[in-house]
Amino acid sequence: MENTFTLNHPIIDHKMTLLRDKRTGTKEVRELVSEISIELIFEALKDAKLEEVEIETPLAKTKGKRLNEQNYAFTPILRAGMGMLDGLVKVMPNAKVGHIGLYRNENLEPIQYYFKVPKELEKREVIVLEPILATGGSAVAAIQMLKEAGAKKIKFLSIVSAIDGIEAINEKHPDVQIYTASVDGRVNEKGYILPGLGDAGDRIFGTK
């Protein structure tokens, strides 16, 4: 569990219960994923560097602190990671956005089919988005691609994480911090987390 940070709040517990419930519809799933993702980015950016600026309120001049949003790159793993992106770009609309396309073959190995990230990645903090961190195969592969593209500082956001996936990232990329709303148990023989929340992509996009 090294470098792993789990949200601990009654509201998150409440939202996670709604999200896991198989009776929760597509609209509500999208909203819950977005809301939980916002809480995750707040936690992940507690160490964000701010610049001091002078502004003028309607009553007086004062000094404030401002975040340079362009120093960040949100990078969802397609397709389920897109469900987390909506909430984050509302919080930081000027952040750059990359996309990583991966699917798992019959042996649960990650296969790349798309990779497009912002320029000068080495100057940005990269936030990888994946609702489900299961075996960790796709996460490890995505992080490696980002490092090869120049990324120096990477954080990983997931809503539900299995111990298997956390261990995989810790082993291959010990410099990457993981932020998650819940740590479940191990994955089953099909690579799914139990109890989990089902297939995140299908539930977010209503494809099953």
N, C-alpha and C. Protein backbone atom coordinates (compact mmCIF):
# COMPACT_ATOMS: atom_id res chain seq x y z
N MET A 1 0.82 -1.21 0.00
CA MET A 1 0.00 0.00 0.00
C MET A 1 0.86 1.27 0.00
N GLU A 2 2.13 1.11 -0.29
CA GLU A 2 3.03 2.26 -0.32
C GLU A 2 2.59 3.24 -1.40
N ASN A 3 2.69 4.54 -1.08
CA ASN A 3 2.33 5.61 -2.02
C ASN A 3 0.86 5.58 -2.43
N THR A 4 0.00 4.99 -1.59
CA THR A 4 -1.43 4.94 -1.91
C THR A 4 -2.21 5.75 -0.89
N PHE A 5 -3.09 6.61 -1.39
CA PHE A 5 -3.88 7.49 -0.53
C PHE A 5 -5.36 7.24 -0.82
N THR A 6 -6.10 6.92 0.23
CA THR A 6 -7.51 6.57 0.09
C THR A 6 -8.38 7.65 0.72
N LEU A 7 -9.40 8.09 -0.03
CA LEU A 7 -10.34 9.07 0.51
C LEU A 7 -11.07 8.47 1.70
N ASN A 8 -11.19 9.24 2.75
CA ASN A 8 -11.86 8.76 3.96
C ASN A 8 -12.84 9.83 4.41
N HIS A 9 -14.08 9.70 3.97
CA HIS A 9 -15.10 10.70 4.30
C HIS A 9 -16.48 10.08 4.18
N PRO A 10 -17.39 10.40 5.10
CA PRO A 10 -18.74 9.82 5.04
C PRO A 10 -19.46 10.08 3.72
N ILE A 11 -19.26 11.25 3.12
CA ILE A 11 -19.93 11.55 1.85
C ILE A 11 -19.41 10.65 0.75
N ILE A 12 -18.09 10.38 0.75
CA ILE A 12 -17.53 9.48 -0.24
C ILE A 12 -18.08 8.07 -0.05
N ASP A 13 -18.17 7.62 1.20
CA ASP A 13 -18.75 6.30 1.48
C ASP A 13 -20.17 6.21 0.94
N HIS A 14 -20.93 7.26 1.14
CA HIS A 14 -22.31 7.32 0.65
C HIS A 14 -22.36 7.24 -0.87
N LYS A 15 -21.52 8.03 -1.54
CA LYS A 15 -21.52 8.05 -3.01
C LYS A 15 -21.01 6.73 -3.58
N MET A 16 -20.05 6.11 -2.90
CA MET A 16 -19.55 4.83 -3.38
C MET A 16 -20.61 3.75 -3.28
N THR A 17 -21.43 3.79 -2.23
CA THR A 17 -22.52 2.82 -2.10
C THR A 17 -23.50 2.96 -3.25
N LEU A 18 -23.85 4.20 -3.59
CA LEU A 18 -24.75 4.44 -4.72
C LEU A 18 -24.12 3.97 -6.02
N LEU A 19 -22.83 4.23 -6.19
CA LEU A 19 -22.15 3.87 -7.44
C LEU A 19 -22.06 2.35 -7.61
N ARG A 20 -21.81 1.63 -6.53
CA ARG A 20 -21.69 0.17 -6.61
C ARG A 20 -23.03 -0.52 -6.90
N ASP A 21 -24.10 0.09 -6.46
CA ASP A 21 -25.43 -0.53 -6.56
C ASP A 21 -25.80 -0.76 -8.04
N LYS A 22 -26.10 -1.99 -8.39
CA LYS A 22 -26.41 -2.32 -9.79
C LYS A 22 -27.70 -1.67 -10.27
N ARG A 23 -28.52 -1.19 -9.33
CA ARG A 23 -29.77 -0.53 -9.72
C ARG A 23 -29.56 0.93 -10.12
N THR A 24 -28.39 1.48 -9.86
CA THR A 24 -28.11 2.87 -10.20
C THR A 24 -27.96 3.01 -11.71
N GLY A 25 -28.73 3.95 -12.29
CA GLY A 25 -28.78 4.11 -13.73
C GLY A 25 -27.57 4.85 -14.31
N THR A 26 -27.51 4.88 -15.65
CA THR A 26 -26.36 5.46 -16.36
C THR A 26 -26.15 6.92 -16.00
N LYS A 27 -27.21 7.71 -15.99
CA LYS A 27 -27.08 9.14 -15.68
C LYS A 27 -26.46 9.33 -14.30
N GLU A 28 -26.97 8.59 -13.32
CA GLU A 28 -26.47 8.72 -11.96
C GLU A 28 -25.04 8.21 -11.83
N VAL A 29 -24.71 7.14 -12.55
CA VAL A 29 -23.34 6.63 -12.52
C VAL A 29 -22.37 7.68 -13.03
N ARG A 30 -22.71 8.33 -14.14
CA ARG A 30 -21.84 9.38 -14.69
C ARG A 30 -21.65 10.51 -13.69
N GLU A 31 -22.73 10.91 -13.06
CA GLU A 31 -22.65 12.01 -12.10
C GLU A 31 -21.80 11.62 -10.89
N LEU A 32 -21.97 10.41 -10.41
CA LEU A 32 -21.21 9.95 -9.25
C LEU A 32 -19.72 9.83 -9.57
N VAL A 33 -19.40 9.28 -10.73
CA VAL A 33 -18.00 9.17 -11.14
C VAL A 33 -17.36 10.55 -11.22
N SER A 34 -18.09 11.50 -11.79
CA SER A 34 -17.59 12.86 -11.90
C SER A 34 -17.37 13.49 -10.53
N GLU A 35 -18.33 13.33 -9.64
CA GLU A 35 -18.24 13.94 -8.30
C GLU A 35 -17.09 13.33 -7.49
N ILE A 36 -16.95 12.02 -7.55
CA ILE A 36 -15.88 11.36 -6.80
C ILE A 36 -14.52 11.74 -7.38
N SER A 37 -14.45 11.88 -8.69
CA SER A 37 -13.20 12.27 -9.35
C SER A 37 -12.74 13.65 -8.90
N ILE A 38 -13.68 14.55 -8.72
CA ILE A 38 -13.34 15.90 -8.24
C ILE A 38 -12.72 15.82 -6.85
N GLU A 39 -13.30 14.99 -5.99
CA GLU A 39 -12.72 14.84 -4.66
C GLU A 39 -11.32 14.25 -4.72
N LEU A 40 -11.11 13.34 -5.66
CA LEU A 40 -9.79 12.73 -5.81
C LEU A 40 -8.74 13.75 -6.25
N ILE A 41 -9.11 14.64 -7.18
CA ILE A 41 -8.12 15.62 -7.65
C ILE A 41 -7.81 16.63 -6.56
N PHE A 42 -8.80 16.97 -5.74
CA PHE A 42 -8.52 17.86 -4.61
C PHE A 42 -7.45 17.25 -3.70
N GLU A 43 -7.58 15.95 -3.43
CA GLU A 43 -6.63 15.26 -2.57
C GLU A 43 -5.26 15.15 -3.25
N ALA A 44 -5.27 14.82 -4.53
CA ALA A 44 -4.02 14.61 -5.26
C ALA A 44 -3.20 15.89 -5.41
N LEU A 45 -3.87 17.03 -5.41
CA LEU A 45 -3.16 18.29 -5.63
C LEU A 45 -2.97 19.10 -4.34
N LYS A 46 -2.97 18.41 -3.22
CA LYS A 46 -2.70 19.11 -1.96
C LYS A 46 -1.31 19.73 -1.94
N ASP A 47 -0.41 19.16 -2.73
CA ASP A 47 0.96 19.67 -2.76
C ASP A 47 1.21 20.63 -3.93
N ALA A 48 0.15 21.08 -4.58
CA ALA A 48 0.30 21.96 -5.75
C ALA A 48 0.99 23.26 -5.38
N LYS A 49 1.86 23.70 -6.26
CA LYS A 49 2.56 24.97 -6.06
C LYS A 49 1.73 26.12 -6.62
N LEU A 50 1.56 27.16 -5.82
CA LEU A 50 0.78 28.32 -6.20
C LEU A 50 1.69 29.53 -6.36
N GLU A 51 1.29 30.43 -7.23
CA GLU A 51 2.02 31.69 -7.39
C GLU A 51 1.21 32.82 -6.77
N GLU A 52 1.91 33.73 -6.13
CA GLU A 52 1.23 34.86 -5.49
C GLU A 52 0.94 35.94 -6.53
N VAL A 53 -0.28 36.44 -6.51
CA VAL A 53 -0.69 37.48 -7.46
C VAL A 53 -1.42 38.59 -6.71
N GLU A 54 -1.40 39.76 -7.29
CA GLU A 54 -2.13 40.89 -6.70
C GLU A 54 -3.41 41.10 -7.49
N ILE A 55 -4.52 41.17 -6.78
CA ILE A 55 -5.81 41.40 -7.43
C ILE A 55 -6.53 42.54 -6.70
N GLU A 56 -7.62 42.94 -7.27
CA GLU A 56 -8.42 44.00 -6.64
C GLU A 56 -9.85 43.51 -6.50
N THR A 57 -10.31 43.43 -5.27
CA THR A 57 -11.71 43.08 -5.02
C THR A 57 -12.56 44.33 -5.25
N PRO A 58 -13.87 44.24 -5.17
CA PRO A 58 -14.69 45.45 -5.28
C PRO A 58 -14.41 46.48 -4.18
N LEU A 59 -13.67 46.07 -3.14
CA LEU A 59 -13.44 46.98 -2.02
C LEU A 59 -11.99 47.39 -1.82
N ALA A 60 -11.04 46.52 -2.21
CA ALA A 60 -9.65 46.85 -1.92
C ALA A 60 -8.70 45.94 -2.71
N LYS A 61 -7.45 46.37 -2.79
CA LYS A 61 -6.41 45.53 -3.36
C LYS A 61 -5.99 44.49 -2.33
N THR A 62 -5.64 43.31 -2.83
CA THR A 62 -5.19 42.25 -1.93
C THR A 62 -4.32 41.28 -2.70
N LYS A 63 -3.68 40.38 -1.99
CA LYS A 63 -2.87 39.37 -2.64
C LYS A 63 -3.58 38.01 -2.54
N GLY A 64 -3.47 37.26 -3.60
CA GLY A 64 -4.07 35.95 -3.62
C GLY A 64 -3.10 34.92 -4.18
N LYS A 65 -3.55 33.67 -4.29
CA LYS A 65 -2.71 32.60 -4.82
C LYS A 65 -3.39 31.96 -6.03
N ARG A 66 -2.60 31.70 -7.05
CA ARG A 66 -3.16 31.19 -8.30
C ARG A 66 -2.41 29.95 -8.76
N LEU A 67 -3.17 29.00 -9.29
CA LEU A 67 -2.61 27.76 -9.82
C LEU A 67 -2.45 27.89 -11.33
N ASN A 68 -1.29 27.55 -11.84
CA ASN A 68 -1.07 27.54 -13.29
C ASN A 68 -1.58 26.20 -13.83
N GLU A 69 -2.80 26.21 -14.32
CA GLU A 69 -3.46 24.98 -14.75
C GLU A 69 -2.74 24.30 -15.92
N GLN A 70 -2.05 25.09 -16.72
CA GLN A 70 -1.39 24.52 -17.89
C GLN A 70 -0.16 23.68 -17.53
N ASN A 71 0.21 23.68 -16.26
CA ASN A 71 1.29 22.82 -15.81
C ASN A 71 0.83 21.39 -15.57
N TYR A 72 -0.46 21.12 -15.83
CA TYR A 72 -1.04 19.81 -15.56
C TYR A 72 -1.61 19.20 -16.83
N ALA A 73 -1.53 17.87 -16.91
CA ALA A 73 -2.10 17.14 -18.05
C ALA A 73 -2.92 15.97 -17.53
N PHE A 74 -4.23 16.03 -17.74
CA PHE A 74 -5.11 14.91 -17.40
C PHE A 74 -5.04 13.90 -18.54
N THR A 75 -4.81 12.64 -18.19
CA THR A 75 -4.64 11.62 -19.23
C THR A 75 -5.49 10.39 -18.92
N PRO A 76 -6.72 10.35 -19.44
CA PRO A 76 -7.57 9.17 -19.21
C PRO A 76 -7.11 7.99 -20.04
N ILE A 77 -7.24 6.79 -19.45
CA ILE A 77 -7.07 5.56 -20.21
C ILE A 77 -8.43 5.23 -20.81
N LEU A 78 -8.50 5.18 -22.13
CA LEU A 78 -9.77 4.94 -22.83
C LEU A 78 -10.26 3.53 -22.57
N ARG A 79 -11.58 3.34 -22.44
CA ARG A 79 -12.55 4.41 -22.60
C ARG A 79 -13.10 4.90 -21.26
N ALA A 80 -13.00 4.03 -20.25
CA ALA A 80 -13.63 4.33 -18.97
C ALA A 80 -13.07 5.58 -18.32
N GLY A 81 -11.78 5.87 -18.54
CA GLY A 81 -11.17 7.05 -17.94
C GLY A 81 -11.82 8.35 -18.36
N MET A 82 -12.50 8.34 -19.51
CA MET A 82 -13.19 9.55 -19.98
C MET A 82 -14.29 9.96 -19.03
N GLY A 83 -14.85 8.99 -18.31
CA GLY A 83 -15.91 9.32 -17.36
C GLY A 83 -15.42 10.16 -16.21
N MET A 84 -14.12 10.08 -15.91
CA MET A 84 -13.55 10.88 -14.82
C MET A 84 -13.15 12.27 -15.32
N LEU A 85 -12.91 12.39 -16.60
CA LEU A 85 -12.38 13.65 -17.16
C LEU A 85 -13.35 14.81 -17.04
N ASP A 86 -14.63 14.56 -17.24
CA ASP A 86 -15.62 15.64 -17.26
C ASP A 86 -15.58 16.50 -16.01
N GLY A 87 -15.52 15.85 -14.86
CA GLY A 87 -15.50 16.61 -13.61
C GLY A 87 -14.21 17.38 -13.43
N LEU A 88 -13.10 16.81 -13.86
CA LEU A 88 -11.81 17.45 -13.64
C LEU A 88 -11.61 18.68 -14.50
N VAL A 89 -12.11 18.66 -15.74
CA VAL A 89 -11.95 19.85 -16.59
C VAL A 89 -12.88 20.97 -16.15
N LYS A 90 -13.88 20.66 -15.36
CA LYS A 90 -14.69 21.72 -14.77
C LYS A 90 -13.91 22.43 -13.67
N VAL A 91 -13.10 21.67 -12.94
CA VAL A 91 -12.28 22.24 -11.88
C VAL A 91 -11.08 22.98 -12.45
N MET A 92 -10.45 22.40 -13.49
CA MET A 92 -9.25 22.97 -14.10
C MET A 92 -9.42 22.99 -15.61
N PRO A 93 -10.20 23.92 -16.14
CA PRO A 93 -10.53 23.92 -17.57
C PRO A 93 -9.35 24.19 -18.49
N ASN A 94 -8.26 24.75 -17.97
CA ASN A 94 -7.12 25.05 -18.82
C ASN A 94 -6.02 23.99 -18.76
N ALA A 95 -6.27 22.91 -18.04
CA ALA A 95 -5.31 21.81 -18.02
C ALA A 95 -5.27 21.16 -19.40
N LYS A 96 -4.10 20.64 -19.77
CA LYS A 96 -3.97 19.91 -21.02
C LYS A 96 -4.58 18.52 -20.85
N VAL A 97 -4.94 17.89 -21.97
CA VAL A 97 -5.55 16.57 -21.92
C VAL A 97 -4.87 15.65 -22.93
N GLY A 98 -4.45 14.48 -22.46
CA GLY A 98 -3.94 13.44 -23.34
C GLY A 98 -4.88 12.25 -23.33
N HIS A 99 -4.64 11.30 -24.22
CA HIS A 99 -5.48 10.10 -24.28
C HIS A 99 -4.60 8.88 -24.53
N ILE A 100 -4.89 7.81 -23.79
CA ILE A 100 -4.19 6.54 -23.99
C ILE A 100 -5.22 5.46 -24.24
N GLY A 101 -5.12 4.81 -25.40
CA GLY A 101 -6.05 3.73 -25.75
C GLY A 101 -5.42 2.38 -25.51
N LEU A 102 -6.00 1.59 -24.61
CA LEU A 102 -5.53 0.26 -24.29
C LEU A 102 -6.72 -0.69 -24.19
N TYR A 103 -6.51 -1.92 -24.61
CA TYR A 103 -7.50 -2.96 -24.32
C TYR A 103 -6.75 -4.20 -23.86
N ARG A 104 -7.46 -5.09 -23.18
CA ARG A 104 -6.83 -6.31 -22.68
C ARG A 104 -7.20 -7.50 -23.58
N ASN A 105 -6.19 -8.29 -23.95
CA ASN A 105 -6.47 -9.47 -24.75
C ASN A 105 -6.95 -10.62 -23.87
N GLU A 106 -7.06 -11.80 -24.46
CA GLU A 106 -7.60 -12.93 -23.70
C GLU A 106 -6.72 -13.35 -22.53
N ASN A 107 -5.47 -12.94 -22.56
CA ASN A 107 -4.55 -13.24 -21.46
C ASN A 107 -4.43 -12.09 -20.46
N LEU A 108 -5.35 -11.12 -20.59
CA LEU A 108 -5.40 -9.92 -19.74
C LEU A 108 -4.17 -9.04 -19.90
N GLU A 109 -3.50 -9.14 -21.06
CA GLU A 109 -2.33 -8.31 -21.35
C GLU A 109 -2.78 -7.03 -22.05
N PRO A 110 -2.20 -5.86 -21.67
CA PRO A 110 -2.62 -4.60 -22.29
C PRO A 110 -2.06 -4.44 -23.71
N ILE A 111 -2.94 -4.07 -24.63
CA ILE A 111 -2.56 -3.83 -26.02
C ILE A 111 -2.85 -2.37 -26.36
N GLN A 112 -1.85 -1.65 -26.83
CA GLN A 112 -2.01 -0.23 -27.15
C GLN A 112 -2.63 -0.06 -28.54
N TYR A 113 -3.61 0.85 -28.65
CA TYR A 113 -4.15 1.17 -29.97
C TYR A 113 -4.21 2.68 -30.22
N TYR A 114 -3.91 3.48 -29.17
CA TYR A 114 -3.92 4.94 -29.37
C TYR A 114 -3.08 5.60 -28.30
N PHE A 115 -2.33 6.65 -28.70
CA PHE A 115 -1.52 7.39 -27.73
C PHE A 115 -1.32 8.80 -28.26
N LYS A 116 -1.89 9.78 -27.58
CA LYS A 116 -1.76 11.18 -27.97
C LYS A 116 -1.70 12.02 -26.69
N VAL A 117 -0.56 12.68 -26.48
CA VAL A 117 -0.38 13.46 -25.25
C VAL A 117 0.12 14.86 -25.60
N PRO A 118 -0.01 15.81 -24.68
CA PRO A 118 0.45 17.18 -24.94
C PRO A 118 1.97 17.25 -25.13
N LYS A 119 2.40 18.30 -25.79
CA LYS A 119 3.83 18.55 -25.95
C LYS A 119 4.44 18.95 -24.61
N GLU A 120 5.76 18.87 -24.55
CA GLU A 120 6.52 19.27 -23.36
C GLU A 120 5.98 18.60 -22.09
N LEU A 121 5.77 17.30 -22.20
CA LEU A 121 5.20 16.55 -21.08
C LEU A 121 6.10 16.58 -19.85
N GLU A 122 7.40 16.73 -20.08
CA GLU A 122 8.35 16.76 -18.96
C GLU A 122 8.17 17.97 -18.07
N LYS A 123 7.47 19.00 -18.56
CA LYS A 123 7.25 20.22 -17.78
C LYS A 123 5.93 20.19 -17.01
N ARG A 124 5.16 19.13 -17.19
CA ARG A 124 3.83 19.07 -16.60
C ARG A 124 3.70 17.94 -15.59
N GLU A 125 2.78 18.10 -14.66
CA GLU A 125 2.41 17.00 -13.79
C GLU A 125 1.29 16.23 -14.49
N VAL A 126 1.50 14.95 -14.69
CA VAL A 126 0.54 14.14 -15.45
C VAL A 126 -0.35 13.36 -14.48
N ILE A 127 -1.65 13.48 -14.68
CA ILE A 127 -2.62 12.79 -13.83
C ILE A 127 -3.32 11.74 -14.68
N VAL A 128 -3.03 10.47 -14.42
CA VAL A 128 -3.64 9.37 -15.17
C VAL A 128 -4.99 9.03 -14.55
N LEU A 129 -5.99 8.84 -15.41
CA LEU A 129 -7.36 8.60 -14.95
C LEU A 129 -7.83 7.21 -15.38
N GLU A 130 -8.23 6.40 -14.42
CA GLU A 130 -8.75 5.05 -14.69
C GLU A 130 -9.67 4.67 -13.54
N PRO A 131 -10.99 4.56 -13.77
CA PRO A 131 -11.91 4.29 -12.65
C PRO A 131 -11.61 3.01 -11.90
N ILE A 132 -11.16 1.97 -12.62
CA ILE A 132 -10.91 0.67 -11.98
C ILE A 132 -9.44 0.31 -12.13
N LEU A 133 -8.75 0.15 -11.01
CA LEU A 133 -7.38 -0.36 -11.01
C LEU A 133 -7.46 -1.81 -10.55
N ALA A 134 -7.45 -2.73 -11.50
CA ALA A 134 -7.66 -4.15 -11.18
C ALA A 134 -6.33 -4.88 -11.10
N THR A 135 -5.92 -5.55 -12.18
CA THR A 135 -4.64 -6.25 -12.15
C THR A 135 -3.46 -5.29 -12.21
N GLY A 136 -3.71 -4.11 -12.76
CA GLY A 136 -2.65 -3.11 -12.87
C GLY A 136 -1.89 -3.16 -14.18
N GLY A 137 -2.21 -4.13 -15.03
CA GLY A 137 -1.49 -4.27 -16.30
C GLY A 137 -1.60 -3.05 -17.18
N SER A 138 -2.81 -2.55 -17.38
CA SER A 138 -3.01 -1.37 -18.22
C SER A 138 -2.39 -0.12 -17.58
N ALA A 139 -2.53 -0.01 -16.27
CA ALA A 139 -1.98 1.15 -15.56
C ALA A 139 -0.46 1.20 -15.69
N VAL A 140 0.19 0.06 -15.47
CA VAL A 140 1.65 0.00 -15.56
C VAL A 140 2.10 0.33 -16.98
N ALA A 141 1.39 -0.21 -17.98
CA ALA A 141 1.75 0.06 -19.37
C ALA A 141 1.56 1.54 -19.72
N ALA A 142 0.46 2.13 -19.27
CA ALA A 142 0.19 3.54 -19.56
C ALA A 142 1.25 4.44 -18.92
N ILE A 143 1.60 4.15 -17.70
CA ILE A 143 2.62 4.95 -17.01
C ILE A 143 3.95 4.85 -17.73
N GLN A 144 4.30 3.64 -18.19
CA GLN A 144 5.56 3.46 -18.92
C GLN A 144 5.57 4.27 -20.21
N MET A 145 4.45 4.28 -20.93
CA MET A 145 4.34 5.07 -22.16
C MET A 145 4.54 6.55 -21.87
N LEU A 146 3.95 7.02 -20.79
CA LEU A 146 4.07 8.43 -20.44
C LEU A 146 5.51 8.79 -20.07
N LYS A 147 6.18 7.90 -19.36
CA LYS A 147 7.58 8.16 -19.02
C LYS A 147 8.43 8.19 -20.27
N GLU A 148 8.18 7.28 -21.21
CA GLU A 148 8.93 7.27 -22.46
C GLU A 148 8.67 8.51 -23.29
N ALA A 149 7.49 9.13 -23.08
CA ALA A 149 7.15 10.38 -23.78
C ALA A 149 7.70 11.61 -23.07
N GLY A 150 8.35 11.40 -21.92
CA GLY A 150 9.01 12.50 -21.24
C GLY A 150 8.47 12.87 -19.88
N ALA A 151 7.38 12.26 -19.45
CA ALA A 151 6.77 12.62 -18.16
C ALA A 151 7.72 12.32 -17.01
N LYS A 152 7.87 13.27 -16.11
CA LYS A 152 8.74 13.13 -14.94
C LYS A 152 7.96 12.94 -13.65
N LYS A 153 6.77 13.56 -13.57
CA LYS A 153 5.96 13.47 -12.37
C LYS A 153 4.56 12.98 -12.76
N ILE A 154 4.20 11.82 -12.23
CA ILE A 154 2.93 11.19 -12.60
C ILE A 154 2.18 10.79 -11.34
N LYS A 155 0.87 11.03 -11.34
CA LYS A 155 0.00 10.53 -10.29
C LYS A 155 -1.13 9.75 -10.95
N PHE A 156 -1.66 8.78 -10.20
CA PHE A 156 -2.68 7.88 -10.75
C PHE A 156 -3.95 8.00 -9.92
N LEU A 157 -5.07 8.29 -10.58
CA LEU A 157 -6.36 8.42 -9.91
C LEU A 157 -7.28 7.28 -10.31
N SER A 158 -7.84 6.58 -9.32
CA SER A 158 -8.83 5.54 -9.59
C SER A 158 -9.94 5.64 -8.55
N ILE A 159 -11.08 5.11 -8.89
CA ILE A 159 -12.21 5.14 -7.96
C ILE A 159 -12.21 3.88 -7.09
N VAL A 160 -12.01 2.72 -7.72
CA VAL A 160 -11.89 1.46 -6.99
C VAL A 160 -10.57 0.81 -7.37
N SER A 161 -9.80 0.41 -6.38
CA SER A 161 -8.49 -0.22 -6.63
C SER A 161 -8.40 -1.57 -5.94
N ALA A 162 -7.83 -2.53 -6.65
CA ALA A 162 -7.53 -3.83 -6.06
C ALA A 162 -6.10 -3.81 -5.51
N ILE A 163 -5.86 -4.62 -4.52
CA ILE A 163 -4.51 -4.72 -3.96
C ILE A 163 -3.53 -5.16 -5.04
N ASP A 164 -3.98 -6.03 -5.96
CA ASP A 164 -3.12 -6.50 -7.04
C ASP A 164 -2.60 -5.34 -7.88
N GLY A 165 -3.50 -4.43 -8.25
CA GLY A 165 -3.12 -3.30 -9.09
C GLY A 165 -2.19 -2.34 -8.37
N ILE A 166 -2.47 -2.11 -7.10
CA ILE A 166 -1.62 -1.22 -6.30
C ILE A 166 -0.21 -1.80 -6.21
N GLU A 167 -0.12 -3.11 -5.96
CA GLU A 167 1.18 -3.76 -5.86
C GLU A 167 1.93 -3.71 -7.19
N ALA A 168 1.20 -3.84 -8.30
CA ALA A 168 1.83 -3.81 -9.62
C ALA A 168 2.46 -2.44 -9.89
N ILE A 169 1.74 -1.37 -9.58
CA ILE A 169 2.28 -0.02 -9.78
C ILE A 169 3.44 0.22 -8.84
N ASN A 170 3.30 -0.17 -7.58
CA ASN A 170 4.38 0.02 -6.61
C ASN A 170 5.66 -0.69 -7.03
N GLU A 171 5.50 -1.87 -7.64
CA GLU A 171 6.68 -2.63 -8.05
C GLU A 171 7.36 -2.02 -9.27
N LYS A 172 6.56 -1.68 -10.29
CA LYS A 172 7.13 -1.20 -11.55
C LYS A 172 7.40 0.31 -11.55
N HIS A 173 6.57 1.05 -10.82
CA HIS A 173 6.69 2.52 -10.82
C HIS A 173 6.54 3.04 -9.39
N PRO A 174 7.52 2.79 -8.53
CA PRO A 174 7.41 3.19 -7.13
C PRO A 174 7.36 4.70 -6.90
N ASP A 175 7.66 5.48 -7.93
CA ASP A 175 7.63 6.93 -7.83
C ASP A 175 6.24 7.50 -8.09
N VAL A 176 5.29 6.67 -8.47
CA VAL A 176 3.94 7.13 -8.81
C VAL A 176 3.01 6.99 -7.62
N GLN A 177 2.37 8.09 -7.23
CA GLN A 177 1.40 8.05 -6.14
C GLN A 177 0.02 7.68 -6.68
N ILE A 178 -0.71 6.88 -5.90
CA ILE A 178 -2.04 6.42 -6.27
C ILE A 178 -3.06 7.06 -5.33
N TYR A 179 -4.11 7.63 -5.92
CA TYR A 179 -5.20 8.22 -5.14
C TYR A 179 -6.48 7.49 -5.53
N THR A 180 -7.17 6.94 -4.54
CA THR A 180 -8.35 6.13 -4.83
C THR A 180 -9.44 6.39 -3.80
N ALA A 181 -10.68 6.11 -4.20
CA ALA A 181 -11.80 6.28 -3.28
C ALA A 181 -12.04 5.02 -2.45
N SER A 182 -11.54 3.87 -2.93
CA SER A 182 -11.77 2.62 -2.21
C SER A 182 -10.73 1.59 -2.60
N VAL A 183 -10.24 0.86 -1.61
CA VAL A 183 -9.38 -0.29 -1.87
C VAL A 183 -10.18 -1.55 -1.56
N ASP A 184 -10.49 -2.32 -2.61
CA ASP A 184 -11.21 -3.57 -2.42
C ASP A 184 -10.18 -4.69 -2.23
N GLY A 185 -10.60 -5.93 -2.41
CA GLY A 185 -9.69 -7.04 -2.20
C GLY A 185 -8.87 -7.35 -3.44
N ARG A 186 -8.77 -8.62 -3.74
CA ARG A 186 -8.03 -9.09 -4.91
C ARG A 186 -8.96 -9.21 -6.11
N VAL A 187 -8.37 -9.42 -7.29
CA VAL A 187 -9.18 -9.65 -8.48
C VAL A 187 -9.51 -11.13 -8.61
N ASN A 188 -10.60 -11.44 -9.32
CA ASN A 188 -10.95 -12.85 -9.53
C ASN A 188 -10.24 -13.38 -10.78
N GLU A 189 -10.57 -14.60 -11.18
CA GLU A 189 -9.87 -15.23 -12.30
C GLU A 189 -10.12 -14.52 -13.63
N LYS A 190 -11.18 -13.72 -13.71
CA LYS A 190 -11.46 -12.97 -14.93
C LYS A 190 -10.88 -11.56 -14.91
N GLY A 191 -10.18 -11.22 -13.82
CA GLY A 191 -9.55 -9.91 -13.73
C GLY A 191 -10.46 -8.82 -13.20
N TYR A 192 -11.60 -9.20 -12.59
CA TYR A 192 -12.52 -8.23 -12.02
C TYR A 192 -12.31 -8.11 -10.51
N ILE A 193 -12.51 -6.90 -9.99
CA ILE A 193 -12.41 -6.67 -8.55
C ILE A 193 -13.72 -7.06 -7.89
N LEU A 194 -13.64 -7.72 -6.76
CA LEU A 194 -14.82 -8.02 -5.95
C LEU A 194 -14.71 -7.29 -4.61
N PRO A 195 -15.76 -6.57 -4.15
CA PRO A 195 -17.07 -6.47 -4.81
C PRO A 195 -17.08 -5.52 -6.02
N GLY A 196 -16.17 -4.54 -6.06
CA GLY A 196 -16.07 -3.67 -7.22
C GLY A 196 -17.34 -2.92 -7.54
N LEU A 197 -17.50 -2.57 -8.82
CA LEU A 197 -18.73 -1.91 -9.25
C LEU A 197 -19.12 -2.36 -10.66
N GLY A 198 -18.54 -3.47 -11.10
CA GLY A 198 -18.83 -3.96 -12.45
C GLY A 198 -17.87 -3.36 -13.45
N ASP A 199 -18.23 -3.46 -14.73
CA ASP A 199 -17.41 -2.88 -15.80
C ASP A 199 -17.67 -1.37 -15.85
N ALA A 200 -16.66 -0.58 -15.49
CA ALA A 200 -16.85 0.87 -15.38
C ALA A 200 -17.26 1.49 -16.70
N GLY A 201 -16.62 1.07 -17.80
CA GLY A 201 -16.96 1.63 -19.10
C GLY A 201 -18.41 1.36 -19.48
N ASP A 202 -18.85 0.13 -19.30
CA ASP A 202 -20.24 -0.22 -19.62
C ASP A 202 -21.22 0.58 -18.77
N ARG A 203 -20.90 0.76 -17.50
CA ARG A 203 -21.83 1.46 -16.61
C ARG A 203 -21.83 2.96 -16.88
N ILE A 204 -20.69 3.53 -17.22
CA ILE A 204 -20.62 4.97 -17.52
C ILE A 204 -21.32 5.30 -18.82
N PHE A 205 -21.13 4.44 -19.83
CA PHE A 205 -21.64 4.75 -21.17
C PHE A 205 -22.91 4.00 -21.52
N GLY A 206 -23.40 3.16 -20.60
CA GLY A 206 -24.67 2.49 -20.82
C GLY A 206 -24.63 1.47 -21.93
N THR A 207 -23.50 0.79 -22.11
CA THR A 207 -23.34 -0.14 -23.23
C THR A 207 -23.62 -1.58 -22.85
N LYS A 208 -24.14 -1.80 -21.64
CA LYS A 208 -24.46 -3.16 -21.24
C LYS A 208 -25.57 -3.15 -20.21
